[in-house]
Each structure stands twice: as C-alpha cells, then as structure tokens.
Amino acid sequence: MKTYKNQIVIGIFLLITQLSFAWGTNGHRIIAEIAERNLTDKAKENIEKIYGKQKLAYWANWPDFIKSNPDFDYASSWHYVNIPGNLNYDSYLKTMNETSEDNMYKRGLILIDELKNDKKLTDLEKQQKLSFLIHIIGDSHQPMHVGRAEDLGGNKITVEWFGKRTNIHSVWDSSLVDFEKYSYTEYCDVLDIKSKEENKKLIEKEYIDWVFETYQLSNNIYNEVQLNDKLGYKYHYLNKENVENQLLKGGLRLAKVLNEIYG
C-alpha cells in the first residue's frame, strides 16, 4: 500500500495541463461514491482488502493524476473511444468490435476479467487495475469520451461558457457538474434517491449497451453545439437532467460491476 501511495504522490507532482480530464475530479468522485453506497457487504469487505479504509472516491481520479508520468503512457488510450458519428446500433457494434485500438471499452472488459479471474495479481496490480476500472466506468458515461477522433472528443470545438473561452469537452467534463456548487457527497445525496426497482432498470443490459447510450447522447451534443457557440443558463437547463442521469447511471453500474467481481 505504501508503494502505491508513493506512486499517487509522484503522479500528482508530475501532473501538467492535459486536454481535459473526464468528468473532472468532482464527477468521478460522485460516480465512485454512488457506487460505494450500493455495494454489497461482501464486495465492501473484499475491496477493503485492496484499498484499506480509504473510499473509492479517493482513488477515482488516480488514472488522470498519472497521465503525465511516462511510466503510464501505455494507458493513454484507455480514457476514451473514437467512433464515427450517428451510427445505428448494428454499425456501432461492428465498429466497436472491429477496432484495433486499445480503447476505454476494450480495456474495461479486460480489467473486469483480470480482477475477477486472475489469482496471480500482486497487491499493487490489484490496486492499480481497480483504480483504472473505477475511472473507466466513469469515463464510459461521459458523452465526449465516446466521441470523434477528428475533434478529439470535442476538445477542438471551441465555445464560450458564461463568457469564458473553453471547449465543449470541458463543459461536459466539469462546467455542467460544478455549476451546482455541490460537494461530491452532497451531489450523491440528491442523486442516489431512487427505489430499488428504478435502480434495477438503470443497470440492465451489458457494458456495450451502456456505452451505446453514452454514444447516443454524444451524437445529440454534436448535433446541437456549433463552433464558438455561447453557452450559459439555457444550456445548463437543457442538459441538467442528462448530466445527472449519466452520473447516477455511472455510479449504479459501477456498483453492479464491482458486486459481480467482489460480491
């Protein structure tokens, strides 16, 4: 555990400006905290053997913090999926299955399998792989991380957010989430309030289908936002429900995955 924490510290000190971090630190913590609140007792016990008493939200942003550490360059493509726009489900499925890129979706499947079945993993490998999986499931619900290669998932689509120059990727990473001024735990308190029956419907289907939902939302964003658009209260109002749904679904679905691995 000490070695792992040292690597976290090194990663933070190496951190430099990136294009954008998925969901921002707050969004990833919200998803991780919602997941933790929905774990089975057995899953909590088994995850505690890996993380100790520390919360999932503490580790949720580690894969972003270490982006500037060249030792982790191999994981740079794990944060997103590049896919052409406006595909139907069959074309989407074909594209996802045929790509040679080690992307977010493919790596997510690999990590799930490794954490569930590989009994030879060291403690450090378990810690790092679990942290990546938590982060990747979060990224899978951020629509601009299921975007288009030509604009780097919206990073090249410049807009204004309340008069400040930014890009649509950053708006979805953090601006829409942080607009509410909640702490991540307060956000969880107002989002994770549905009944067990409602939650059960949100975690139906498979990982590939969850990413497709995010892809459909991504297409809507691309169709609605133009270069140099001025965004503010109206855009927040129109997308508040979308953002909150993605955060909630991300957390509940992460809990489902972790319960299947550890519960």
C-alpha atoms as a PDB file:
ATOM      1  CA  MET A   1       0.000   0.000   0.000  1.00  0.00           C
ATOM      2  CA  LYS A   2       2.857   2.388   0.822  1.00  0.00           C
ATOM      3  CA  THR A   3       4.389   1.872  -2.630  1.00  0.00           C
ATOM      4  CA  TYR A   4       1.051   2.562  -4.273  1.00  0.00           C
ATOM      5  CA  LYS A   5       0.534   5.775  -2.294  1.00  0.00           C
ATOM      6  CA  ASN A   6       4.018   6.924  -3.250  1.00  0.00           C
ATOM      7  CA  GLN A   7       3.126   6.456  -6.902  1.00  0.00           C
ATOM      8  CA  ILE A   8      -0.004   8.539  -6.400  1.00  0.00           C
ATOM      9  CA  VAL A   9       2.084  11.355  -4.930  1.00  0.00           C
ATOM     10  CA  ILE A  10       4.577  11.140  -7.792  1.00  0.00           C
ATOM     11  CA  GLY A  11       1.722  11.225 -10.286  1.00  0.00           C
ATOM     12  CA  ILE A  12       0.290  14.379  -8.751  1.00  0.00           C
ATOM     13  CA  PHE A  13       3.636  16.173  -8.857  1.00  0.00           C
ATOM     14  CA  LEU A  14       4.139  15.138 -12.466  1.00  0.00           C
ATOM     15  CA  LEU A  15       0.714  16.438 -13.415  1.00  0.00           C
ATOM     16  CA  ILE A  16       0.699  19.051 -16.176  1.00  0.00           C
ATOM     17  CA  THR A  17      -2.105  20.549 -18.226  1.00  0.00           C
ATOM     18  CA  GLN A  18      -3.963  17.974 -20.290  1.00  0.00           C
ATOM     19  CA  LEU A  19      -6.587  18.495 -22.967  1.00  0.00           C
ATOM     20  CA  SER A  20      -9.336  17.621 -20.492  1.00  0.00           C
ATOM     21  CA  PHE A  21      -9.951  15.165 -17.701  1.00  0.00           C
ATOM     22  CA  ALA A  22     -13.064  13.036 -17.959  1.00  0.00           C
ATOM     23  CA  TRP A  23     -15.857  14.380 -15.734  1.00  0.00           C
ATOM     24  CA  GLY A  24     -13.332  16.410 -13.753  1.00  0.00           C
ATOM     25  CA  THR A  25     -12.401  15.333 -10.250  1.00  0.00           C
ATOM     26  CA  ASN A  26     -15.877  16.003  -8.877  1.00  0.00           C
ATOM     27  CA  GLY A  27     -17.725  13.903 -11.446  1.00  0.00           C
ATOM     28  CA  HIS A  28     -15.526  10.862 -10.924  1.00  0.00           C
ATOM     29  CA  ARG A  29     -15.879  11.135  -7.160  1.00  0.00           C
ATOM     30  CA  ILE A  30     -19.666  11.317  -7.468  1.00  0.00           C
ATOM     31  CA  ILE A  31     -19.767   8.141  -9.552  1.00  0.00           C
ATOM     32  CA  ALA A  32     -17.396   6.315  -7.204  1.00  0.00           C
ATOM     33  CA  GLU A  33     -19.305   7.391  -4.091  1.00  0.00           C
ATOM     34  CA  ILE A  34     -22.668   6.339  -5.532  1.00  0.00           C
ATOM     35  CA  ALA A  35     -21.088   3.005  -6.401  1.00  0.00           C
ATOM     36  CA  GLU A  36     -19.743   2.556  -2.873  1.00  0.00           C
ATOM     37  CA  ARG A  37     -23.156   3.284  -1.386  1.00  0.00           C
ATOM     38  CA  ASN A  38     -24.616   0.467  -3.490  1.00  0.00           C
ATOM     39  CA  LEU A  39     -22.033  -2.252  -2.860  1.00  0.00           C
ATOM     40  CA  THR A  40     -22.934  -5.500  -1.142  1.00  0.00           C
ATOM     41  CA  ASP A  41     -21.371  -6.130   2.257  1.00  0.00           C
ATOM     42  CA  LYS A  42     -19.197  -8.863   0.767  1.00  0.00           C
ATOM     43  CA  ALA A  43     -17.960  -6.593  -2.011  1.00  0.00           C
ATOM     44  CA  LYS A  44     -17.109  -3.894   0.539  1.00  0.00           C
ATOM     45  CA  GLU A  45     -15.111  -6.393   2.586  1.00  0.00           C
ATOM     46  CA  ASN A  46     -13.145  -7.636  -0.412  1.00  0.00           C
ATOM     47  CA  ILE A  47     -12.430  -4.146  -1.727  1.00  0.00           C
ATOM     48  CA  GLU A  48     -11.257  -3.127   1.755  1.00  0.00           C
ATOM     49  CA  LYS A  49      -8.584  -5.815   1.441  1.00  0.00           C
ATOM     50  CA  ILE A  50      -7.255  -3.878  -1.563  1.00  0.00           C
ATOM     51  CA  TYR A  51      -7.767  -0.239  -0.541  1.00  0.00           C
ATOM     52  CA  GLY A  52      -7.870  -0.462   3.221  1.00  0.00           C
ATOM     53  CA  LYS A  53     -10.286   2.007   4.817  1.00  0.00           C
ATOM     54  CA  GLN A  54      -9.937   4.568   2.030  1.00  0.00           C
ATOM     55  CA  LYS A  55     -13.017   5.345  -0.057  1.00  0.00           C
ATOM     56  CA  LEU A  56     -13.444   4.568  -3.750  1.00  0.00           C
ATOM     57  CA  ALA A  57     -13.828   8.291  -4.409  1.00  0.00           C
ATOM     58  CA  TYR A  58     -10.275   8.825  -3.156  1.00  0.00           C
ATOM     59  CA  TRP A  59      -8.855   6.647  -5.930  1.00  0.00           C
ATOM     60  CA  ALA A  60     -11.323   7.538  -8.682  1.00  0.00           C
ATOM     61  CA  ASN A  61      -9.125  10.219 -10.255  1.00  0.00           C
ATOM     62  CA  TRP A  62      -5.778   8.457  -9.938  1.00  0.00           C
ATOM     63  CA  PRO A  63      -5.737   7.439 -13.651  1.00  0.00           C
ATOM     64  CA  ASP A  64      -5.935  11.137 -14.542  1.00  0.00           C
ATOM     65  CA  PHE A  65      -3.339  12.190 -11.987  1.00  0.00           C
ATOM     66  CA  ILE A  66      -0.718   9.881 -13.509  1.00  0.00           C
ATOM     67  CA  LYS A  67      -1.256  10.904 -17.145  1.00  0.00           C
ATOM     68  CA  SER A  68       1.966  12.903 -17.157  1.00  0.00           C
ATOM     69  CA  ASN A  69       4.035  10.044 -15.765  1.00  0.00           C
ATOM     70  CA  PRO A  70       5.662   8.356 -18.796  1.00  0.00           C
ATOM     71  CA  ASP A  71       5.582   5.028 -16.960  1.00  0.00           C
ATOM     72  CA  PHE A  72       1.845   5.004 -17.668  1.00  0.00           C
ATOM     73  CA  ASP A  73       1.898   6.124 -21.301  1.00  0.00           C
ATOM     74  CA  TYR A  74       0.583   2.693 -22.257  1.00  0.00           C
ATOM     75  CA  ALA A  75      -2.768   3.633 -20.690  1.00  0.00           C
ATOM     76  CA  SER A  76      -3.327   6.909 -22.547  1.00  0.00           C
ATOM     77  CA  SER A  77      -5.957   5.415 -24.875  1.00  0.00           C
ATOM     78  CA  TRP A  78      -7.939   3.851 -22.030  1.00  0.00           C
ATOM     79  CA  HIS A  79      -9.870   7.049 -21.324  1.00  0.00           C
ATOM     80  CA  TYR A  80     -11.960   7.274 -24.494  1.00  0.00           C
ATOM     81  CA  VAL A  81     -13.464   5.615 -27.547  1.00  0.00           C
ATOM     82  CA  ASN A  82     -13.073   7.131 -31.004  1.00  0.00           C
ATOM     83  CA  ILE A  83     -16.096   6.355 -33.150  1.00  0.00           C
ATOM     84  CA  PRO A  84     -17.777   7.989 -36.179  1.00  0.00           C
ATOM     85  CA  GLY A  85     -20.990   9.844 -35.521  1.00  0.00           C
ATOM     86  CA  ASN A  86     -24.631   8.896 -35.955  1.00  0.00           C
ATOM     87  CA  LEU A  87     -24.246   5.128 -36.370  1.00  0.00           C
ATOM     88  CA  ASN A  88     -27.165   2.800 -35.738  1.00  0.00           C
ATOM     89  CA  TYR A  89     -26.722   0.087 -33.122  1.00  0.00           C
ATOM     90  CA  ASP A  90     -25.563  -2.614 -35.532  1.00  0.00           C
ATOM     91  CA  SER A  91     -22.968  -0.337 -37.151  1.00  0.00           C
ATOM     92  CA  TYR A  92     -21.852   0.859 -33.731  1.00  0.00           C
ATOM     93  CA  LEU A  93     -21.452  -2.726 -32.550  1.00  0.00           C
ATOM     94  CA  LYS A  94     -19.480  -3.674 -35.660  1.00  0.00           C
ATOM     95  CA  THR A  95     -17.177  -0.669 -35.277  1.00  0.00           C
ATOM     96  CA  MET A  96     -16.572  -1.315 -31.585  1.00  0.00           C
ATOM     97  CA  ASN A  97     -15.780  -4.980 -32.142  1.00  0.00           C
ATOM     98  CA  GLU A  98     -13.510  -4.451 -35.139  1.00  0.00           C
ATOM     99  CA  THR A  99     -11.341  -1.584 -33.901  1.00  0.00           C
ATOM    100  CA  SER A 100      -7.724  -2.438 -33.151  1.00  0.00           C
ATOM    101  CA  GLU A 101      -7.405   0.446 -30.678  1.00  0.00           C
ATOM    102  CA  ASP A 102      -6.851  -0.448 -27.022  1.00  0.00           C
ATOM    103  CA  ASN A 103      -9.658   1.867 -26.024  1.00  0.00           C
ATOM    104  CA  MET A 104     -11.774   2.518 -22.967  1.00  0.00           C
ATOM    105  CA  TYR A 105     -14.354  -0.153 -23.771  1.00  0.00           C
ATOM    106  CA  LYS A 106     -11.922  -2.936 -24.616  1.00  0.00           C
ATOM    107  CA  ARG A 107      -9.715  -2.177 -21.630  1.00  0.00           C
ATOM    108  CA  GLY A 108     -12.738  -2.109 -19.350  1.00  0.00           C
ATOM    109  CA  LEU A 109     -13.622  -5.656 -20.375  1.00  0.00           C
ATOM    110  CA  ILE A 110     -10.035  -6.795 -19.861  1.00  0.00           C
ATOM    111  CA  LEU A 111      -9.843  -5.255 -16.394  1.00  0.00           C
ATOM    112  CA  ILE A 112     -13.119  -6.839 -15.335  1.00  0.00           C
ATOM    113  CA  ASP A 113     -11.851 -10.245 -16.428  1.00  0.00           C
ATOM    114  CA  GLU A 114      -8.452  -9.793 -14.763  1.00  0.00           C
ATOM    115  CA  LEU A 115      -9.842  -8.597 -11.445  1.00  0.00           C
ATOM    116  CA  LYS A 116     -12.402 -11.378 -11.409  1.00  0.00           C
ATOM    117  CA  ASN A 117     -10.294 -14.314 -12.564  1.00  0.00           C
ATOM    118  CA  ASP A 118      -6.547 -13.668 -12.342  1.00  0.00           C
ATOM    119  CA  LYS A 119      -5.452 -15.093  -8.994  1.00  0.00           C
ATOM    120  CA  LYS A 120      -1.798 -14.215  -9.609  1.00  0.00           C
ATOM    121  CA  LEU A 121      -2.189 -10.442  -9.415  1.00  0.00           C
ATOM    122  CA  THR A 122       0.038  -8.729  -6.862  1.00  0.00           C
ATOM    123  CA  ASP A 123      -1.445  -6.333  -4.312  1.00  0.00           C
ATOM    124  CA  LEU A 124      -0.134  -3.378  -6.320  1.00  0.00           C
ATOM    125  CA  GLU A 125      -1.599  -4.746  -9.556  1.00  0.00           C
ATOM    126  CA  LYS A 126      -4.973  -5.199  -7.878  1.00  0.00           C
ATOM    127  CA  GLN A 127      -4.873  -1.617  -6.602  1.00  0.00           C
ATOM    128  CA  GLN A 128      -3.935  -0.100  -9.927  1.00  0.00           C
ATOM    129  CA  LYS A 129      -6.296  -2.195 -12.032  1.00  0.00           C
ATOM    130  CA  LEU A 130      -9.217  -1.497  -9.713  1.00  0.00           C
ATOM    131  CA  SER A 131      -8.474   2.234  -9.839  1.00  0.00           C
ATOM    132  CA  PHE A 132      -8.411   2.132 -13.627  1.00  0.00           C
ATOM    133  CA  LEU A 133     -11.681   0.197 -13.749  1.00  0.00           C
ATOM    134  CA  ILE A 134     -13.443   2.674 -11.450  1.00  0.00           C
ATOM    135  CA  HIS A 135     -12.242   5.507 -13.649  1.00  0.00           C
ATOM    136  CA  ILE A 136     -13.043   3.786 -16.946  1.00  0.00           C
ATOM    137  CA  ILE A 137     -16.635   3.010 -15.989  1.00  0.00           C
ATOM    138  CA  GLY A 138     -16.950   6.683 -15.104  1.00  0.00           C
ATOM    139  CA  ASP A 139     -15.448   7.771 -18.419  1.00  0.00           C
ATOM    140  CA  SER A 140     -17.852   5.444 -20.209  1.00  0.00           C
ATOM    141  CA  HIS A 141     -20.719   7.664 -19.060  1.00  0.00           C
ATOM    142  CA  GLN A 142     -19.154  10.979 -20.115  1.00  0.00           C
ATOM    143  CA  PRO A 143     -20.516  11.560 -23.643  1.00  0.00           C
ATOM    144  CA  MET A 144     -17.492  13.399 -25.008  1.00  0.00           C
ATOM    145  CA  HIS A 145     -15.362  10.361 -24.171  1.00  0.00           C
ATOM    146  CA  VAL A 146     -17.387   8.398 -26.700  1.00  0.00           C
ATOM    147  CA  GLY A 147     -16.702  10.979 -29.366  1.00  0.00           C
ATOM    148  CA  ARG A 148     -14.993  11.606 -32.659  1.00  0.00           C
ATOM    149  CA  ALA A 149     -11.298  11.400 -33.403  1.00  0.00           C
ATOM    150  CA  GLU A 150     -11.223  14.422 -35.730  1.00  0.00           C
ATOM    151  CA  ASP A 151     -12.029  16.872 -32.932  1.00  0.00           C
ATOM    152  CA  LEU A 152     -10.515  14.916 -30.031  1.00  0.00           C
ATOM    153  CA  GLY A 153     -13.869  14.258 -28.430  1.00  0.00           C
ATOM    154  CA  GLY A 154     -14.947  17.881 -28.654  1.00  0.00           C
ATOM    155  CA  ASN A 155     -11.673  19.376 -27.429  1.00  0.00           C
ATOM    156  CA  LYS A 156     -11.354  21.247 -30.740  1.00  0.00           C
ATOM    157  CA  ILE A 157     -14.913  22.576 -30.624  1.00  0.00           C
ATOM    158  CA  THR A 158     -14.357  25.963 -29.004  1.00  0.00           C
ATOM    159  CA  VAL A 159     -17.311  27.522 -27.181  1.00  0.00           C
ATOM    160  CA  GLU A 160     -17.934  30.143 -24.530  1.00  0.00           C
ATOM    161  CA  TRP A 161     -19.238  29.141 -21.115  1.00  0.00           C
ATOM    162  CA  PHE A 162     -20.717  32.219 -19.430  1.00  0.00           C
ATOM    163  CA  GLY A 163     -18.348  34.358 -21.488  1.00  0.00           C
ATOM    164  CA  LYS A 164     -15.225  32.312 -20.793  1.00  0.00           C
ATOM    165  CA  ARG A 165     -13.495  30.634 -23.717  1.00  0.00           C
ATOM    166  CA  THR A 166     -13.386  26.853 -23.368  1.00  0.00           C
ATOM    167  CA  ASN A 167     -14.470  23.790 -25.380  1.00  0.00           C
ATOM    168  CA  ILE A 168     -17.484  21.503 -25.342  1.00  0.00           C
ATOM    169  CA  HIS A 169     -15.444  18.631 -23.909  1.00  0.00           C
ATOM    170  CA  SER A 170     -14.516  20.714 -20.891  1.00  0.00           C
ATOM    171  CA  VAL A 171     -18.105  21.905 -20.485  1.00  0.00           C
ATOM    172  CA  TRP A 172     -19.200  18.297 -20.086  1.00  0.00           C
ATOM    173  CA  ASP A 173     -16.180  17.275 -18.031  1.00  0.00           C
ATOM    174  CA  SER A 174     -16.638  19.805 -15.285  1.00  0.00           C
ATOM    175  CA  SER A 175     -18.566  23.008 -16.056  1.00  0.00           C
ATOM    176  CA  LEU A 176     -22.020  21.439 -16.029  1.00  0.00           C
ATOM    177  CA  VAL A 177     -21.252  19.359 -12.939  1.00  0.00           C
ATOM    178  CA  ASP A 178     -19.599  22.128 -10.948  1.00  0.00           C
ATOM    179  CA  PHE A 179     -22.354  24.628 -11.820  1.00  0.00           C
ATOM    180  CA  GLU A 180     -24.487  23.209  -8.996  1.00  0.00           C
ATOM    181  CA  LYS A 181     -21.833  24.071  -6.364  1.00  0.00           C
ATOM    182  CA  TYR A 182     -22.437  20.800  -4.524  1.00  0.00           C
ATOM    183  CA  SER A 183     -19.672  18.851  -2.868  1.00  0.00           C
ATOM    184  CA  TYR A 184     -19.407  15.386  -4.339  1.00  0.00           C
ATOM    185  CA  THR A 185     -21.148  13.857  -1.315  1.00  0.00           C
ATOM    186  CA  GLU A 186     -23.980  16.406  -1.498  1.00  0.00           C
ATOM    187  CA  TYR A 187     -24.396  15.554  -5.169  1.00  0.00           C
ATOM    188  CA  CYS A 188     -24.688  11.877  -4.263  1.00  0.00           C
ATOM    189  CA  ASP A 189     -27.286  12.696  -1.617  1.00  0.00           C
ATOM    190  CA  VAL A 190     -29.568  14.360  -4.181  1.00  0.00           C
ATOM    191  CA  LEU A 191     -28.997  11.817  -6.972  1.00  0.00           C
ATOM    192  CA  ASP A 192     -28.998   8.426  -5.256  1.00  0.00           C
ATOM    193  CA  ILE A 193     -32.619   8.528  -4.104  1.00  0.00           C
ATOM    194  CA  LYS A 194     -34.414   6.165  -6.477  1.00  0.00           C
ATOM    195  CA  SER A 195     -36.144   2.967  -5.428  1.00  0.00           C
ATOM    196  CA  LYS A 196     -34.529  -0.440  -5.830  1.00  0.00           C
ATOM    197  CA  GLU A 197     -36.895  -1.148  -8.703  1.00  0.00           C
ATOM    198  CA  GLU A 198     -35.897   2.057 -10.505  1.00  0.00           C
ATOM    199  CA  ASN A 199     -32.205   1.382  -9.933  1.00  0.00           C
ATOM    200  CA  LYS A 200     -32.586  -2.154 -11.239  1.00  0.00           C
ATOM    201  CA  LYS A 201     -33.863  -0.824 -14.564  1.00  0.00           C
ATOM    202  CA  LEU A 202     -30.880   1.524 -14.860  1.00  0.00           C
ATOM    203  CA  ILE A 203     -28.335  -1.293 -14.565  1.00  0.00           C
ATOM    204  CA  GLU A 204     -29.955  -3.622 -17.060  1.00  0.00           C
ATOM    205  CA  LYS A 205     -28.182  -4.732 -20.234  1.00  0.00           C
ATOM    206  CA  GLU A 206     -24.445  -5.044 -20.768  1.00  0.00           C
ATOM    207  CA  TYR A 207     -21.416  -2.743 -20.799  1.00  0.00           C
ATOM    208  CA  ILE A 208     -21.517  -2.414 -24.605  1.00  0.00           C
ATOM    209  CA  ASP A 209     -25.102  -1.138 -24.328  1.00  0.00           C
ATOM    210  CA  TRP A 210     -24.199   1.354 -21.612  1.00  0.00           C
ATOM    211  CA  VAL A 211     -21.531   2.831 -23.862  1.00  0.00           C
ATOM    212  CA  PHE A 212     -24.055   2.983 -26.719  1.00  0.00           C
ATOM    213  CA  GLU A 213     -26.377   5.084 -24.547  1.00  0.00           C
ATOM    214  CA  THR A 214     -23.487   7.459 -23.911  1.00  0.00           C
ATOM    215  CA  TYR A 215     -22.700   7.468 -27.637  1.00  0.00           C
ATOM    216  CA  GLN A 216     -26.273   8.477 -28.453  1.00  0.00           C
ATOM    217  CA  LEU A 217     -26.034  11.394 -26.027  1.00  0.00           C
ATOM    218  CA  SER A 218     -22.712  12.334 -27.604  1.00  0.00           C
ATOM    219  CA  ASN A 219     -24.374  12.481 -31.026  1.00  0.00           C
ATOM    220  CA  ASN A 220     -27.034  14.804 -29.652  1.00  0.00           C
ATOM    221  CA  ILE A 221     -24.356  17.132 -28.288  1.00  0.00           C
ATOM    222  CA  TYR A 222     -22.522  17.205 -31.616  1.00  0.00           C
ATOM    223  CA  ASN A 223     -25.771  17.950 -33.443  1.00  0.00           C
ATOM    224  CA  GLU A 224     -26.768  20.766 -31.087  1.00  0.00           C
ATOM    225  CA  VAL A 225     -23.498  22.628 -30.458  1.00  0.00           C
ATOM    226  CA  GLN A 226     -21.667  24.663 -33.077  1.00  0.00           C
ATOM    227  CA  LEU A 227     -18.163  26.111 -33.054  1.00  0.00           C
ATOM    228  CA  ASN A 228     -17.991  29.329 -30.993  1.00  0.00           C
ATOM    229  CA  ASP A 229     -21.478  28.903 -29.527  1.00  0.00           C
ATOM    230  CA  LYS A 230     -22.168  30.984 -26.437  1.00  0.00           C
ATOM    231  CA  LEU A 231     -23.421  28.660 -23.718  1.00  0.00           C
ATOM    232  CA  GLY A 232     -24.838  29.525 -20.326  1.00  0.00           C
ATOM    233  CA  TYR A 233     -28.021  29.196 -18.283  1.00  0.00           C
ATOM    234  CA  LYS A 234     -30.116  27.790 -21.127  1.00  0.00           C
ATOM    235  CA  TYR A 235     -27.588  25.086 -21.987  1.00  0.00           C
ATOM    236  CA  HIS A 236     -27.337  24.109 -18.337  1.00  0.00           C
ATOM    237  CA  TYR A 237     -31.125  23.980 -18.018  1.00  0.00           C
ATOM    238  CA  LEU A 238     -31.480  21.786 -21.119  1.00  0.00           C
ATOM    239  CA  ASN A 239     -28.747  19.358 -20.026  1.00  0.00           C
ATOM    240  CA  LYS A 240     -29.036  19.265 -16.243  1.00  0.00           C
ATOM    241  CA  GLU A 241     -31.106  16.064 -16.347  1.00  0.00           C
ATOM    242  CA  ASN A 242     -28.740  14.426 -18.852  1.00  0.00           C
ATOM    243  CA  VAL A 243     -25.712  15.137 -16.672  1.00  0.00           C
ATOM    244  CA  GLU A 244     -27.385  13.899 -13.514  1.00  0.00           C
ATOM    245  CA  ASN A 245     -28.658  10.751 -15.228  1.00  0.00           C
ATOM    246  CA  GLN A 246     -25.191   9.926 -16.531  1.00  0.00           C
ATOM    247  CA  LEU A 247     -23.609  10.400 -13.116  1.00  0.00           C
ATOM    248  CA  LEU A 248     -26.242   8.270 -11.403  1.00  0.00           C
ATOM    249  CA  LYS A 249     -26.135   5.523 -14.018  1.00  0.00           C
ATOM    250  CA  GLY A 250     -22.350   5.537 -13.919  1.00  0.00           C
ATOM    251  CA  GLY A 251     -22.361   5.022 -10.164  1.00  0.00           C
ATOM    252  CA  LEU A 252     -25.030   2.335 -10.104  1.00  0.00           C
ATOM    253  CA  ARG A 253     -23.460   0.455 -12.979  1.00  0.00           C
ATOM    254  CA  LEU A 254     -20.024   0.651 -11.416  1.00  0.00           C
ATOM    255  CA  ALA A 255     -21.563  -0.876  -8.293  1.00  0.00           C
ATOM    256  CA  LYS A 256     -23.032  -3.661 -10.407  1.00  0.00           C
ATOM    257  CA  VAL A 257     -19.634  -4.426 -11.946  1.00  0.00           C
ATOM    258  CA  LEU A 258     -17.846  -4.362  -8.591  1.00  0.00           C
ATOM    259  CA  ASN A 259     -20.511  -6.505  -6.939  1.00  0.00           C
ATOM    260  CA  GLU A 260     -20.090  -9.081  -9.697  1.00  0.00           C
ATOM    261  CA  ILE A 261     -16.314  -9.099  -9.205  1.00  0.00           C
ATOM    262  CA  TYR A 262     -16.090  -8.887  -5.420  1.00  0.00           C
ATOM    263  CA  GLY A 263     -19.563  -9.676  -4.090  1.00  0.00           C
END
